[in-house]
Amino acid sequence: MPERRHYWLDSPGNVTKLYRGLWAVGAVLVLAEFLVQKHEEPAFAGGFAFYALFGFVACVALVLTAKALRRILRRPEDYYER
């Protein structure tokens, strides 16, 4: 039997490093909002962390929409065997 390949995400330590790294990058980007001067046309888009919050809400909306579409588009398990 051939040996199973070991990928870098198989190690829990690497997953933890990736998770913490993503949080650190997100925190740095939110803190960078204090240094960047915004010139937004609509007033609400110039608020603190607007794009971060908008992206999060949009992602959650996409997941919920996909779950609803799955119920509509789902086929029985033996669909192709008929």
PDB file of N, CA and C in Angstrom:
ATOM      1  N   MET A   1       0.846  -1.171   0.000  1.00  0.00           N
ATOM      2  CA  MET A   1       0.000   0.000   0.000  1.00  0.00           C
ATOM      3  C   MET A   1       0.896   1.242   0.000  1.00  0.00           C
ATOM      4  N   PRO A   2       0.637   2.189  -0.924  1.00  0.00           N
ATOM      5  CA  PRO A   2       1.482   3.394  -0.959  1.00  0.00           C
ATOM      6  C   PRO A   2       1.258   4.261   0.276  1.00  0.00           C
ATOM      7  N   GLU A   3       2.320   4.961   0.642  1.00  0.00           N
ATOM      8  CA  GLU A   3       2.219   5.854   1.808  1.00  0.00           C
ATOM      9  C   GLU A   3       1.336   7.051   1.489  1.00  0.00           C
ATOM     10  N   ARG A   4       0.623   7.473   2.484  1.00  0.00           N
ATOM     11  CA  ARG A   4      -0.257   8.637   2.339  1.00  0.00           C
ATOM     12  C   ARG A   4       0.598   9.893   2.339  1.00  0.00           C
ATOM     13  N   ARG A   5       0.328  10.801   1.399  1.00  0.00           N
ATOM     14  CA  ARG A   5       1.077  12.063   1.349  1.00  0.00           C
ATOM     15  C   ARG A   5       0.688  12.939   2.519  1.00  0.00           C
ATOM     16  N   HIS A   6       1.648  13.677   3.013  1.00  0.00           N
ATOM     17  CA  HIS A   6       1.415  14.582   4.143  1.00  0.00           C
ATOM     18  C   HIS A   6       1.407  16.015   3.612  1.00  0.00           C
ATOM     19  N   TYR A   7       0.281  16.659   3.735  1.00  0.00           N
ATOM     20  CA  TYR A   7       0.141  18.037   3.273  1.00  0.00           C
ATOM     21  C   TYR A   7       0.338  18.986   4.449  1.00  0.00           C
ATOM     22  N   TRP A   8       0.648  20.244   4.161  1.00  0.00           N
ATOM     23  CA  TRP A   8       0.985  21.188   5.229  1.00  0.00           C
ATOM     24  C   TRP A   8      -0.221  21.548   6.081  1.00  0.00           C
ATOM     25  N   LEU A   9      -1.435  21.424   5.580  1.00  0.00           N
ATOM     26  CA  LEU A   9      -2.618  21.715   6.386  1.00  0.00           C
ATOM     27  C   LEU A   9      -3.073  20.510   7.213  1.00  0.00           C
ATOM     28  N   ASP A  10      -2.392  19.376   7.063  1.00  0.00           N
ATOM     29  CA  ASP A  10      -2.711  18.218   7.897  1.00  0.00           C
ATOM     30  C   ASP A  10      -2.246  18.418   9.332  1.00  0.00           C
ATOM     31  N   SER A  11      -1.283  19.293   9.532  1.00  0.00           N
ATOM     32  CA  SER A  11      -0.761  19.551  10.867  1.00  0.00           C
ATOM     33  C   SER A  11      -1.621  20.603  11.568  1.00  0.00           C
ATOM     34  N   PRO A  12      -2.166  20.294  12.755  1.00  0.00           N
ATOM     35  CA  PRO A  12      -3.000  21.275  13.468  1.00  0.00           C
ATOM     36  C   PRO A  12      -2.253  22.570  13.790  1.00  0.00           C
ATOM     37  N   GLY A  13      -0.948  22.484  13.986  1.00  0.00           N
ATOM     38  CA  GLY A  13      -0.167  23.693  14.258  1.00  0.00           C
ATOM     39  C   GLY A  13      -0.175  24.652  13.078  1.00  0.00           C
ATOM     40  N   ASN A  14      -0.104  24.122  11.861  1.00  0.00           N
ATOM     41  CA  ASN A  14      -0.134  24.973  10.668  1.00  0.00           C
ATOM     42  C   ASN A  14      -1.508  25.603  10.468  1.00  0.00           C
ATOM     43  N   VAL A  15      -2.552  24.869  10.793  1.00  0.00           N
ATOM     44  CA  VAL A  15      -3.907  25.418  10.684  1.00  0.00           C
ATOM     45  C   VAL A  15      -4.073  26.577  11.667  1.00  0.00           C
ATOM     46  N   THR A  16      -3.544  26.407  12.879  1.00  0.00           N
ATOM     47  CA  THR A  16      -3.614  27.464  13.888  1.00  0.00           C
ATOM     48  C   THR A  16      -2.844  28.697  13.426  1.00  0.00           C
ATOM     49  N   LYS A  17      -1.667  28.487  12.852  1.00  0.00           N
ATOM     50  CA  LYS A  17      -0.874  29.619  12.347  1.00  0.00           C
ATOM     51  C   LYS A  17      -1.615  30.359  11.236  1.00  0.00           C
ATOM     52  N   LEU A  18      -2.230  29.611  10.330  1.00  0.00           N
ATOM     53  CA  LEU A  18      -2.985  30.233   9.244  1.00  0.00           C
ATOM     54  C   LEU A  18      -4.163  31.026   9.784  1.00  0.00           C
ATOM     55  N   TYR A  19      -4.886  30.455  10.729  1.00  0.00           N
ATOM     56  CA  TYR A  19      -6.048  31.111  11.337  1.00  0.00           C
ATOM     57  C   TYR A  19      -5.633  32.403  12.035  1.00  0.00           C
ATOM     58  N   ARG A  20      -4.574  32.332  12.835  1.00  0.00           N
ATOM     59  CA  ARG A  20      -4.092  33.531  13.525  1.00  0.00           C
ATOM     60  C   ARG A  20      -3.548  34.562  12.549  1.00  0.00           C
ATOM     61  N   GLY A  21      -2.905  34.102  11.497  1.00  0.00           N
ATOM     62  CA  GLY A  21      -2.391  35.023  10.479  1.00  0.00           C
ATOM     63  C   GLY A  21      -3.499  35.778   9.773  1.00  0.00           C
ATOM     64  N   LEU A  22      -4.598  35.084   9.457  1.00  0.00           N
ATOM     65  CA  LEU A  22      -5.730  35.755   8.824  1.00  0.00           C
ATOM     66  C   LEU A  22      -6.360  36.788   9.744  1.00  0.00           C
ATOM     67  N   TRP A  23      -6.462  36.454  11.038  1.00  0.00           N
ATOM     68  CA  TRP A  23      -6.982  37.431  12.004  1.00  0.00           C
ATOM     69  C   TRP A  23      -6.058  38.642  12.096  1.00  0.00           C
ATOM     70  N   ALA A  24      -4.752  38.403  12.073  1.00  0.00           N
ATOM     71  CA  ALA A  24      -3.788  39.506  12.166  1.00  0.00           C
ATOM     72  C   ALA A  24      -3.882  40.417  10.939  1.00  0.00           C
ATOM     73  N   VAL A  25      -3.981  39.824   9.762  1.00  0.00           N
ATOM     74  CA  VAL A  25      -4.112  40.632   8.540  1.00  0.00           C
ATOM     75  C   VAL A  25      -5.399  41.447   8.588  1.00  0.00           C
ATOM     76  N   GLY A  26      -6.498  40.834   9.019  1.00  0.00           N
ATOM     77  CA  GLY A  26      -7.761  41.566   9.130  1.00  0.00           C
ATOM     78  C   GLY A  26      -7.671  42.706  10.121  1.00  0.00           C
ATOM     79  N   ALA A  27      -7.015  42.473  11.256  1.00  0.00           N
ATOM     80  CA  ALA A  27      -6.860  43.537  12.258  1.00  0.00           C
ATOM     81  C   ALA A  27      -6.014  44.679  11.719  1.00  0.00           C
ATOM     82  N   VAL A  28      -4.939  44.357  11.004  1.00  0.00           N
ATOM     83  CA  VAL A  28      -4.085  45.399  10.425  1.00  0.00           C
ATOM     84  C   VAL A  28      -4.866  46.214   9.397  1.00  0.00           C
ATOM     85  N   LEU A  29      -5.682  45.552   8.595  1.00  0.00           N
ATOM     86  CA  LEU A  29      -6.460  46.279   7.586  1.00  0.00           C
ATOM     87  C   LEU A  29      -7.512  47.184   8.229  1.00  0.00           C
ATOM     88  N   VAL A  30      -8.127  46.720   9.301  1.00  0.00           N
ATOM     89  CA  VAL A  30      -9.115  47.566   9.985  1.00  0.00           C
ATOM     90  C   VAL A  30      -8.408  48.744  10.658  1.00  0.00           C
ATOM     91  N   LEU A  31      -7.250  48.513  11.261  1.00  0.00           N
ATOM     92  CA  LEU A  31      -6.504  49.612  11.877  1.00  0.00           C
ATOM     93  C   LEU A  31      -5.972  50.600  10.841  1.00  0.00           C
ATOM     94  N   ALA A  32      -5.732  50.127   9.628  1.00  0.00           N
ATOM     95  CA  ALA A  32      -5.269  51.018   8.564  1.00  0.00           C
ATOM     96  C   ALA A  32      -6.334  52.031   8.174  1.00  0.00           C
ATOM     97  N   GLU A  33      -7.566  51.769   8.554  1.00  0.00           N
ATOM     98  CA  GLU A  33      -8.641  52.718   8.261  1.00  0.00           C
ATOM     99  C   GLU A  33      -8.387  54.076   8.901  1.00  0.00           C
ATOM    100  N   PHE A  34      -7.666  54.086  10.020  1.00  0.00           N
ATOM    101  CA  PHE A  34      -7.358  55.354  10.685  1.00  0.00           C
ATOM    102  C   PHE A  34      -6.351  56.176   9.886  1.00  0.00           C
ATOM    103  N   LEU A  35      -5.533  55.528   9.060  1.00  0.00           N
ATOM    104  CA  LEU A  35      -4.478  56.217   8.320  1.00  0.00           C
ATOM    105  C   LEU A  35      -4.912  56.654   6.930  1.00  0.00           C
ATOM    106  N   VAL A  36      -5.938  56.040   6.407  1.00  0.00           N
ATOM    107  CA  VAL A  36      -6.377  56.326   5.039  1.00  0.00           C
ATOM    108  C   VAL A  36      -7.516  57.328   5.075  1.00  0.00           C
ATOM    109  N   GLN A  37      -7.379  58.369   4.279  1.00  0.00           N
ATOM    110  CA  GLN A  37      -8.436  59.370   4.201  1.00  0.00           C
ATOM    111  C   GLN A  37      -9.376  58.983   3.068  1.00  0.00           C
ATOM    112  N   LYS A  38     -10.642  58.820   3.397  1.00  0.00           N
ATOM    113  CA  LYS A  38     -11.617  58.368   2.405  1.00  0.00           C
ATOM    114  C   LYS A  38     -12.339  59.552   1.782  1.00  0.00           C
ATOM    115  N   HIS A  39     -12.651  59.399   0.506  1.00  0.00           N
ATOM    116  CA  HIS A  39     -13.420  60.408  -0.229  1.00  0.00           C
ATOM    117  C   HIS A  39     -14.589  59.689  -0.894  1.00  0.00           C
ATOM    118  N   GLU A  40     -15.529  59.274  -0.092  1.00  0.00           N
ATOM    119  CA  GLU A  40     -16.664  58.509  -0.590  1.00  0.00           C
ATOM    120  C   GLU A  40     -17.823  59.432  -0.931  1.00  0.00           C
ATOM    121  N   GLU A  41     -18.524  59.104  -1.998  1.00  0.00           N
ATOM    122  CA  GLU A  41     -19.688  59.883  -2.398  1.00  0.00           C
ATOM    123  C   GLU A  41     -20.842  59.698  -1.406  1.00  0.00           C
ATOM    124  N   PRO A  42     -21.319  58.455  -1.171  1.00  0.00           N
ATOM    125  CA  PRO A  42     -22.366  58.315  -0.151  1.00  0.00           C
ATOM    126  C   PRO A  42     -21.750  58.402   1.245  1.00  0.00           C
ATOM    127  N   ALA A  43     -22.408  59.075   2.136  1.00  0.00           N
ATOM    128  CA  ALA A  43     -21.855  59.326   3.471  1.00  0.00           C
ATOM    129  C   ALA A  43     -21.658  58.041   4.269  1.00  0.00           C
ATOM    130  N   PHE A  44     -22.558  57.067   4.101  1.00  0.00           N
ATOM    131  CA  PHE A  44     -22.453  55.846   4.903  1.00  0.00           C
ATOM    132  C   PHE A  44     -21.227  55.012   4.530  1.00  0.00           C
ATOM    133  N   ALA A  45     -20.707  55.155   3.320  1.00  0.00           N
ATOM    134  CA  ALA A  45     -19.550  54.363   2.893  1.00  0.00           C
ATOM    135  C   ALA A  45     -18.256  54.866   3.519  1.00  0.00           C
ATOM    136  N   GLY A  46     -18.261  56.032   4.087  1.00  0.00           N
ATOM    137  CA  GLY A  46     -17.064  56.569   4.714  1.00  0.00           C
ATOM    138  C   GLY A  46     -16.920  56.187   6.170  1.00  0.00           C
ATOM    139  N   GLY A  47     -17.850  55.438   6.703  1.00  0.00           N
ATOM    140  CA  GLY A  47     -17.813  55.055   8.109  1.00  0.00           C
ATOM    141  C   GLY A  47     -16.706  54.065   8.418  1.00  0.00           C
ATOM    142  N   PHE A  48     -16.429  53.919   9.712  1.00  0.00           N
ATOM    143  CA  PHE A  48     -15.356  53.037  10.150  1.00  0.00           C
ATOM    144  C   PHE A  48     -15.659  51.584   9.797  1.00  0.00           C
ATOM    145  N   ALA A  49     -14.748  50.915   9.117  1.00  0.00           N
ATOM    146  CA  ALA A  49     -14.817  49.494   8.752  1.00  0.00           C
ATOM    147  C   ALA A  49     -16.062  49.157   7.937  1.00  0.00           C
ATOM    148  N   PHE A  50     -16.547  50.097   7.141  1.00  0.00           N
ATOM    149  CA  PHE A  50     -17.746  49.845   6.350  1.00  0.00           C
ATOM    150  C   PHE A  50     -17.536  48.685   5.387  1.00  0.00           C
ATOM    151  N   TYR A  51     -16.416  48.687   4.679  1.00  0.00           N
ATOM    152  CA  TYR A  51     -16.193  47.652   3.672  1.00  0.00           C
ATOM    153  C   TYR A  51     -15.959  46.287   4.305  1.00  0.00           C
ATOM    154  N   ALA A  52     -15.352  46.239   5.481  1.00  0.00           N
ATOM    155  CA  ALA A  52     -15.177  44.965   6.184  1.00  0.00           C
ATOM    156  C   ALA A  52     -16.531  44.407   6.607  1.00  0.00           C
ATOM    157  N   LEU A  53     -17.374  45.245   7.159  1.00  0.00           N
ATOM    158  CA  LEU A  53     -18.704  44.801   7.577  1.00  0.00           C
ATOM    159  C   LEU A  53     -19.577  44.436   6.379  1.00  0.00           C
ATOM    160  N   PHE A  54     -19.483  45.226   5.319  1.00  0.00           N
ATOM    161  CA  PHE A  54     -20.258  44.947   4.120  1.00  0.00           C
ATOM    162  C   PHE A  54     -19.844  43.608   3.518  1.00  0.00           C
ATOM    163  N   GLY A  55     -18.540  43.329   3.468  1.00  0.00           N
ATOM    164  CA  GLY A  55     -18.056  42.062   2.942  1.00  0.00           C
ATOM    165  C   GLY A  55     -18.524  40.886   3.777  1.00  0.00           C
ATOM    166  N   PHE A  56     -18.504  41.034   5.097  1.00  0.00           N
ATOM    167  CA  PHE A  56     -18.961  39.966   5.980  1.00  0.00           C
ATOM    168  C   PHE A  56     -20.446  39.692   5.783  1.00  0.00           C
ATOM    169  N   VAL A  57     -21.243  40.739   5.745  1.00  0.00           N
ATOM    170  CA  VAL A  57     -22.693  40.582   5.565  1.00  0.00           C
ATOM    171  C   VAL A  57     -22.992  39.971   4.195  1.00  0.00           C
ATOM    172  N   ALA A  58     -22.263  40.397   3.160  1.00  0.00           N
ATOM    173  CA  ALA A  58     -22.476  39.841   1.826  1.00  0.00           C
ATOM    174  C   ALA A  58     -22.124  38.358   1.790  1.00  0.00           C
ATOM    175  N   CYS A  59     -21.055  37.967   2.471  1.00  0.00           N
ATOM    176  CA  CYS A  59     -20.659  36.559   2.514  1.00  0.00           C
ATOM    177  C   CYS A  59     -21.715  35.719   3.226  1.00  0.00           C
ATOM    178  N   VAL A  60     -22.222  36.202   4.338  1.00  0.00           N
ATOM    179  CA  VAL A  60     -23.271  35.479   5.065  1.00  0.00           C
ATOM    180  C   VAL A  60     -24.523  35.367   4.198  1.00  0.00           C
ATOM    181  N   ALA A  61     -24.866  36.436   3.491  1.00  0.00           N
ATOM    182  CA  ALA A  61     -26.041  36.404   2.613  1.00  0.00           C
ATOM    183  C   ALA A  61     -25.859  35.385   1.491  1.00  0.00           C
ATOM    184  N   LEU A  62     -24.653  35.274   0.939  1.00  0.00           N
ATOM    185  CA  LEU A  62     -24.400  34.294  -0.115  1.00  0.00           C
ATOM    186  C   LEU A  62     -24.548  32.863   0.410  1.00  0.00           C
ATOM    187  N   VAL A  63     -24.057  32.612   1.594  1.00  0.00           N
ATOM    188  CA  VAL A  63     -24.166  31.273   2.168  1.00  0.00           C
ATOM    189  C   VAL A  63     -25.626  30.918   2.425  1.00  0.00           C
ATOM    190  N   LEU A  64     -26.385  31.843   2.992  1.00  0.00           N
ATOM    191  CA  LEU A  64     -27.795  31.579   3.254  1.00  0.00           C
ATOM    192  C   LEU A  64     -28.590  31.399   1.968  1.00  0.00           C
ATOM    193  N   THR A  65     -28.260  32.164   0.940  1.00  0.00           N
ATOM    194  CA  THR A  65     -28.917  32.013  -0.358  1.00  0.00           C
ATOM    195  C   THR A  65     -28.589  30.658  -0.968  1.00  0.00           C
ATOM    196  N   ALA A  66     -27.330  30.233  -0.848  1.00  0.00           N
ATOM    197  CA  ALA A  66     -26.942  28.930  -1.387  1.00  0.00           C
ATOM    198  C   ALA A  66     -27.670  27.800  -0.664  1.00  0.00           C
ATOM    199  N   LYS A  67     -27.850  27.931   0.642  1.00  0.00           N
ATOM    200  CA  LYS A  67     -28.582  26.900   1.381  1.00  0.00           C
ATOM    201  C   LYS A  67     -30.031  26.823   0.916  1.00  0.00           C
ATOM    202  N   ALA A  68     -30.647  27.971   0.656  1.00  0.00           N
ATOM    203  CA  ALA A  68     -32.026  27.978   0.173  1.00  0.00           C
ATOM    204  C   ALA A  68     -32.110  27.394  -1.239  1.00  0.00           C
ATOM    205  N   LEU A  69     -31.158  27.729  -2.093  1.00  0.00           N
ATOM    206  CA  LEU A  69     -31.161  27.193  -3.454  1.00  0.00           C
ATOM    207  C   LEU A  69     -30.932  25.686  -3.463  1.00  0.00           C
ATOM    208  N   ARG A  70     -30.166  25.194  -2.501  1.00  0.00           N
ATOM    209  CA  ARG A  70     -29.928  23.757  -2.420  1.00  0.00           C
ATOM    210  C   ARG A  70     -31.235  23.016  -2.199  1.00  0.00           C
ATOM    211  N   ARG A  71     -32.096  23.556  -1.374  1.00  0.00           N
ATOM    212  CA  ARG A  71     -33.389  22.913  -1.135  1.00  0.00           C
ATOM    213  C   ARG A  71     -34.244  22.891  -2.395  1.00  0.00           C
ATOM    214  N   ILE A  72     -34.137  23.938  -3.198  1.00  0.00           N
ATOM    215  CA  ILE A  72     -34.944  24.029  -4.419  1.00  0.00           C
ATOM    216  C   ILE A  72     -34.390  23.124  -5.515  1.00  0.00           C
ATOM    217  N   LEU A  73     -33.058  23.094  -5.672  1.00  0.00           N
ATOM    218  CA  LEU A  73     -32.434  22.397  -6.788  1.00  0.00           C
ATOM    219  C   LEU A  73     -32.017  20.961  -6.473  1.00  0.00           C
ATOM    220  N   ARG A  74     -32.184  20.519  -5.259  1.00  0.00           N
ATOM    221  CA  ARG A  74     -31.738  19.183  -4.855  1.00  0.00           C
ATOM    222  C   ARG A  74     -32.512  18.106  -5.618  1.00  0.00           C
ATOM    223  N   ARG A  75     -31.778  17.051  -6.001  1.00  0.00           N
ATOM    224  CA  ARG A  75     -32.374  15.896  -6.664  1.00  0.00           C
ATOM    225  C   ARG A  75     -32.261  14.685  -5.754  1.00  0.00           C
ATOM    226  N   PRO A  76     -33.124  13.691  -5.948  1.00  0.00           N
ATOM    227  CA  PRO A  76     -33.008  12.471  -5.144  1.00  0.00           C
ATOM    228  C   PRO A  76     -31.666  11.766  -5.401  1.00  0.00           C
ATOM    229  N   GLU A  77     -31.244  10.932  -4.434  1.00  0.00           N
ATOM    230  CA  GLU A  77     -29.953  10.246  -4.574  1.00  0.00           C
ATOM    231  C   GLU A  77     -29.885   9.368  -5.799  1.00  0.00           C
ATOM    232  N   ASP A  78     -30.958   8.717  -6.157  1.00  0.00           N
ATOM    233  CA  ASP A  78     -30.949   7.805  -7.308  1.00  0.00           C
ATOM    234  C   ASP A  78     -31.416   8.505  -8.584  1.00  0.00           C
ATOM    235  N   TYR A  79     -31.244   9.776  -8.704  1.00  0.00           N
ATOM    236  CA  TYR A  79     -31.727  10.552  -9.845  1.00  0.00           C
ATOM    237  C   TYR A  79     -31.144  10.030 -11.165  1.00  0.00           C
ATOM    238  N   TYR A  80     -29.844   9.734 -11.193  1.00  0.00           N
ATOM    239  CA  TYR A  80     -29.210   9.312 -12.438  1.00  0.00           C
ATOM    240  C   TYR A  80     -29.354   7.801 -12.689  1.00  0.00           C
ATOM    241  N   GLU A  81     -29.798   7.077 -11.691  1.00  0.00           N
ATOM    242  CA  GLU A  81     -29.963   5.630 -11.866  1.00  0.00           C
ATOM    243  C   GLU A  81     -31.330   5.264 -12.436  1.00  0.00           C
ATOM    244  N   ARG A  82     -32.209   6.211 -12.537  1.00  0.00           N
ATOM    245  CA  ARG A  82     -33.551   5.929 -13.084  1.00  0.00           C
ATOM    246  C   ARG A  82     -33.519   5.835 -14.574  1.00  0.00           C
TER     247      ARG A  82
END
